C-alpha atoms as a PDB file:
ATOM      1  CA  MET A   1      48.569 -18.050 -11.901  1.00  0.00           C
ATOM      2  CA  TYR A   2      45.289 -19.042 -10.252  1.00  0.00           C
ATOM      3  CA  HIS A   3      43.512 -21.990 -11.809  1.00  0.00           C
ATOM      4  CA  PRO A   4      39.878 -22.517 -10.682  1.00  0.00           C
ATOM      5  CA  TYR A   5      40.123 -26.324 -10.666  1.00  0.00           C
ATOM      6  CA  ARG A   6      43.426 -26.618  -8.873  1.00  0.00           C
ATOM      7  CA  LEU A   7      43.554 -26.781  -5.107  1.00  0.00           C
ATOM      8  CA  PRO A   8      45.729 -23.927  -3.836  1.00  0.00           C
ATOM      9  CA  HIS A   9      47.716 -25.719  -1.110  1.00  0.00           C
ATOM     10  CA  ALA A  10      49.511 -28.456  -3.050  1.00  0.00           C
ATOM     11  CA  PRO A  11      50.809 -28.902  -6.586  1.00  0.00           C
ATOM     12  CA  SER A  12      48.314 -30.800  -8.722  1.00  0.00           C
ATOM     13  CA  HIS A  13      50.855 -33.512  -9.632  1.00  0.00           C
ATOM     14  CA  GLN A  14      51.398 -34.196  -5.910  1.00  0.00           C
ATOM     15  CA  ILE A  15      47.646 -34.487  -5.293  1.00  0.00           C
ATOM     16  CA  MET A  16      47.294 -36.703  -8.372  1.00  0.00           C
ATOM     17  CA  ALA A  17      50.023 -39.013  -7.045  1.00  0.00           C
ATOM     18  CA  GLU A  18      48.295 -39.201  -3.647  1.00  0.00           C
ATOM     19  CA  TYR A  19      44.956 -39.832  -5.353  1.00  0.00           C
ATOM     20  CA  SER A  20      46.476 -42.656  -7.428  1.00  0.00           C
ATOM     21  CA  SER A  21      47.928 -44.098  -4.242  1.00  0.00           C
ATOM     22  CA  LEU A  22      44.517 -43.871  -2.544  1.00  0.00           C
ATOM     23  CA  LEU A  23      42.848 -45.769  -5.392  1.00  0.00           C
ATOM     24  CA  ALA A  24      45.619 -48.391  -5.359  1.00  0.00           C
ATOM     25  CA  ASP A  25      45.112 -48.884  -1.607  1.00  0.00           C
ATOM     26  CA  LEU A  26      41.353 -49.158  -2.039  1.00  0.00           C
ATOM     27  CA  CYS A  27      41.805 -51.668  -4.884  1.00  0.00           C
ATOM     28  CA  GLU A  28      43.823 -53.885  -2.534  1.00  0.00           C
ATOM     29  CA  LEU A  29      41.055 -53.758   0.077  1.00  0.00           C
ATOM     30  CA  ILE A  30      38.176 -54.450  -2.327  1.00  0.00           C
ATOM     31  CA  THR A  31      37.624 -58.084  -3.295  1.00  0.00           C
ATOM     32  CA  VAL A  32      35.783 -59.337  -6.379  1.00  0.00           C
ATOM     33  CA  GLU A  33      32.766 -60.071  -4.147  1.00  0.00           C
ATOM     34  CA  ASP A  34      32.950 -56.504  -2.812  1.00  0.00           C
ATOM     35  CA  VAL A  35      32.835 -55.163  -6.375  1.00  0.00           C
ATOM     36  CA  GLU A  36      29.511 -56.912  -6.917  1.00  0.00           C
ATOM     37  CA  GLN A  37      28.155 -55.337  -3.724  1.00  0.00           C
ATOM     38  CA  LEU A  38      29.478 -51.875  -4.682  1.00  0.00           C
ATOM     39  CA  LYS A  39      27.999 -52.153  -8.191  1.00  0.00           C
ATOM     40  CA  SER A  40      24.698 -53.139  -6.658  1.00  0.00           C
ATOM     41  CA  ALA A  41      24.843 -50.115  -4.330  1.00  0.00           C
ATOM     42  CA  CYS A  42      25.161 -47.779  -7.319  1.00  0.00           C
ATOM     43  CA  LYS A  43      22.982 -49.645  -9.811  1.00  0.00           C
ATOM     44  CA  GLU A  44      20.995 -46.467 -10.590  1.00  0.00           C
ATOM     45  CA  ASP A  45      24.201 -44.955 -11.987  1.00  0.00           C
ATOM     46  CA  ILE A  46      25.560 -47.954 -13.874  1.00  0.00           C
ATOM     47  CA  PRO A  47      23.437 -49.293 -16.750  1.00  0.00           C
ATOM     48  CA  GLU A  48      23.095 -53.081 -16.724  1.00  0.00           C
ATOM     49  CA  GLU A  49      25.009 -53.549 -19.986  1.00  0.00           C
ATOM     50  CA  GLN A  50      27.906 -51.532 -18.512  1.00  0.00           C
ATOM     51  CA  SER A  51      27.763 -53.356 -15.197  1.00  0.00           C
ATOM     52  CA  SER A  52      28.778 -56.671 -16.735  1.00  0.00           C
ATOM     53  CA  THR A  53      32.022 -55.158 -18.041  1.00  0.00           C
ATOM     54  CA  ILE A  54      33.033 -54.074 -14.523  1.00  0.00           C
ATOM     55  CA  THR A  55      34.744 -57.095 -13.011  1.00  0.00           C
ATOM     56  CA  CYS A  56      37.260 -55.600 -10.576  1.00  0.00           C
ATOM     57  CA  SER A  57      37.667 -52.525  -8.392  1.00  0.00           C
ATOM     58  CA  LYS A  58      39.944 -50.864 -10.972  1.00  0.00           C
ATOM     59  CA  ASP A  59      37.170 -51.144 -13.595  1.00  0.00           C
ATOM     60  CA  TRP A  60      34.679 -49.730 -11.094  1.00  0.00           C
ATOM     61  CA  PHE A  61      36.847 -46.699 -10.247  1.00  0.00           C
ATOM     62  CA  SER A  62      37.583 -46.138 -13.931  1.00  0.00           C
ATOM     63  CA  TYR A  63      33.874 -46.214 -14.801  1.00  0.00           C
ATOM     64  CA  LEU A  64      33.073 -43.740 -12.013  1.00  0.00           C
ATOM     65  CA  GLU A  65      35.811 -41.365 -13.155  1.00  0.00           C
ATOM     66  CA  LYS A  66      34.643 -41.476 -16.783  1.00  0.00           C
ATOM     67  CA  ASN A  67      31.112 -40.687 -15.642  1.00  0.00           C
ATOM     68  CA  HIS A  68      32.162 -37.798 -13.380  1.00  0.00           C
ATOM     69  CA  LYS A  69      31.241 -39.603 -10.154  1.00  0.00           C
ATOM     70  CA  LEU A  70      34.821 -39.661  -8.874  1.00  0.00           C
ATOM     71  CA  ALA A  71      37.792 -37.287  -9.067  1.00  0.00           C
ATOM     72  CA  GLN A  72      40.864 -36.464  -7.002  1.00  0.00           C
ATOM     73  CA  ASP A  73      38.958 -33.669  -5.275  1.00  0.00           C
ATOM     74  CA  ASN A  74      35.455 -35.164  -5.362  1.00  0.00           C
ATOM     75  CA  LEU A  75      34.977 -38.268  -3.253  1.00  0.00           C
ATOM     76  CA  SER A  76      31.436 -37.721  -2.008  1.00  0.00           C
ATOM     77  CA  TYR A  77      29.875 -40.323  -4.310  1.00  0.00           C
ATOM     78  CA  ILE A  78      32.120 -43.188  -3.233  1.00  0.00           C
ATOM     79  CA  GLU A  79      31.890 -42.069   0.405  1.00  0.00           C
ATOM     80  CA  HIS A  80      28.141 -42.514   0.070  1.00  0.00           C
ATOM     81  CA  ILE A  81      28.528 -45.923  -1.611  1.00  0.00           C
ATOM     82  CA  PHE A  82      31.013 -47.129   1.022  1.00  0.00           C
ATOM     83  CA  GLU A  83      28.668 -46.030   3.766  1.00  0.00           C
ATOM     84  CA  ILE A  84      25.551 -47.725   2.399  1.00  0.00           C
ATOM     85  CA  SER A  85      27.699 -50.815   1.711  1.00  0.00           C
ATOM     86  CA  ARG A  86      28.758 -50.739   5.378  1.00  0.00           C
ATOM     87  CA  ARG A  87      32.483 -50.504   4.702  1.00  0.00           C
ATOM     88  CA  PRO A  88      33.900 -48.276   7.463  1.00  0.00           C
ATOM     89  CA  ASP A  89      37.419 -49.490   6.607  1.00  0.00           C
ATOM     90  CA  LEU A  90      37.182 -47.984   3.106  1.00  0.00           C
ATOM     91  CA  LEU A  91      35.416 -44.883   4.377  1.00  0.00           C
ATOM     92  CA  THR A  92      38.151 -44.294   6.954  1.00  0.00           C
ATOM     93  CA  ARG A  93      40.789 -44.436   4.213  1.00  0.00           C
ATOM     94  CA  LEU A  94      38.867 -41.752   2.265  1.00  0.00           C
ATOM     95  CA  ILE A  95      38.612 -39.527   5.336  1.00  0.00           C
ATOM     96  CA  GLU A  96      42.362 -39.925   5.889  1.00  0.00           C
ATOM     97  CA  TYR A  97      43.041 -38.826   2.295  1.00  0.00           C
ATOM     98  CA  ARG A  98      40.681 -35.885   2.595  1.00  0.00           C
ATOM     99  CA  THR A  99      42.217 -34.612   5.825  1.00  0.00           C
ATOM    100  CA  THR A 100      45.898 -35.186   4.963  1.00  0.00           C
ATOM    101  CA  VAL A 101      46.042 -34.603   1.203  1.00  0.00           C
ATOM    102  CA  LEU A 102      43.177 -32.211   0.530  1.00  0.00           C
ATOM    103  CA  LYS A 103      43.642 -30.546   3.939  1.00  0.00           C
ATOM    104  CA  ILE A 104      39.930 -30.589   4.689  1.00  0.00           C
ATOM    105  CA  SER A 105      39.526 -31.319   8.360  1.00  0.00           C
ATOM    106  CA  GLU A 106      36.671 -33.302   9.833  1.00  0.00           C
ATOM    107  CA  ASP A 107      35.624 -30.255  11.785  1.00  0.00           C
ATOM    108  CA  GLN A 108      35.128 -28.097   8.721  1.00  0.00           C
ATOM    109  CA  GLU A 109      31.736 -28.001   7.107  1.00  0.00           C
ATOM    110  CA  ILE A 110      30.628 -31.560   6.511  1.00  0.00           C
ATOM    111  CA  ASP A 111      28.346 -30.504   3.668  1.00  0.00           C
ATOM    112  CA  THR A 112      31.162 -29.373   1.364  1.00  0.00           C
ATOM    113  CA  LYS A 113      31.250 -30.912  -2.080  1.00  0.00           C
ATOM    114  CA  LEU A 114      33.875 -33.339  -0.793  1.00  0.00           C
ATOM    115  CA  THR A 115      31.693 -34.886   1.865  1.00  0.00           C
ATOM    116  CA  ARG A 116      27.984 -35.050   1.761  1.00  0.00           C
ATOM    117  CA  ILE A 117      27.740 -37.790   4.354  1.00  0.00           C
ATOM    118  CA  PRO A 118      27.770 -36.394   7.898  1.00  0.00           C
ATOM    119  CA  SER A 119      27.936 -39.892   9.354  1.00  0.00           C
ATOM    120  CA  ALA A 120      31.288 -40.480   7.628  1.00  0.00           C
ATOM    121  CA  LYS A 121      32.695 -38.661  10.620  1.00  0.00           C
ATOM    122  CA  LYS A 122      31.462 -41.317  13.040  1.00  0.00           C
ATOM    123  CA  TYR A 123      33.577 -44.028  11.384  1.00  0.00           C
ATOM    124  CA  LYS A 124      36.829 -42.183  11.999  1.00  0.00           C
ATOM    125  CA  ASP A 125      37.114 -43.528  15.570  1.00  0.00           C
ATOM    126  CA  ILE A 126      36.248 -47.131  14.771  1.00  0.00           C
ATOM    127  CA  ILE A 127      39.665 -47.994  13.390  1.00  0.00           C
ATOM    128  CA  ARG A 128      41.977 -45.851  15.525  1.00  0.00           C
ATOM    129  CA  GLN A 129      43.803 -47.357  18.474  1.00  0.00           C
ATOM    130  CA  PRO A 130      42.517 -46.329  21.909  1.00  0.00           C
ATOM    131  CA  SER A 131      44.637 -43.828  23.810  1.00  0.00           C
ATOM    132  CA  GLU A 132      45.862 -44.464  27.357  1.00  0.00           C
ATOM    133  CA  ASP A 133      42.912 -42.416  28.646  1.00  0.00           C
ATOM    134  CA  ASP A 134      40.411 -44.583  26.743  1.00  0.00           C
ATOM    135  CA  ILE A 135      41.662 -47.837  28.245  1.00  0.00           C
ATOM    136  CA  ILE A 136      39.887 -48.807  31.432  1.00  0.00           C
ATOM    137  CA  LYS A 137      42.377 -49.587  34.160  1.00  0.00           C
ATOM    138  CA  LEU A 138      41.374 -52.300  36.598  1.00  0.00           C
ATOM    139  CA  ALA A 139      42.168 -51.934  40.277  1.00  0.00           C
ATOM    140  CA  PRO A 140      44.429 -54.643  41.691  1.00  0.00           C
ATOM    141  CA  PRO A 141      42.527 -57.529  43.307  1.00  0.00           C
ATOM    142  CA  PRO A 142      41.899 -57.158  47.048  1.00  0.00           C
ATOM    143  CA  LYS A 143      44.546 -58.741  49.237  1.00  0.00           C
ATOM    144  CA  LYS A 144      43.468 -61.723  51.296  1.00  0.00           C
ATOM    145  CA  ALA A 145      43.815 -61.173  55.037  1.00  0.00           C
END
């Protein structure tokens, strides 16, 4: 039976497991200092009295979920926060999740509800390894006569 909130290509429990894994990975990458920066980047959405109770990345994600800023199929808010916080490493991990788990390719419309940041696309290449074609090959030094 069709369910309007369930993505059609994967069972919801599988997506939930991948989403939990994504958050766990992000939690490992986000330090306590980073949490302060991320909270500052979204201070309009977190009242000051609530902000003091958020001391780690898990608290931050939990707060965002409770306030409908983050869900397994809605990452646009944290993509925006990661971008303005200049964290291409975290942004790249989100793009990976979106393309592999949610099956939304980079080439599809960038203004879907999942990605409202067109420049998220530019970070994709920062972390990948260069291919053989990208590496500049130097000519051998000239032989001495």
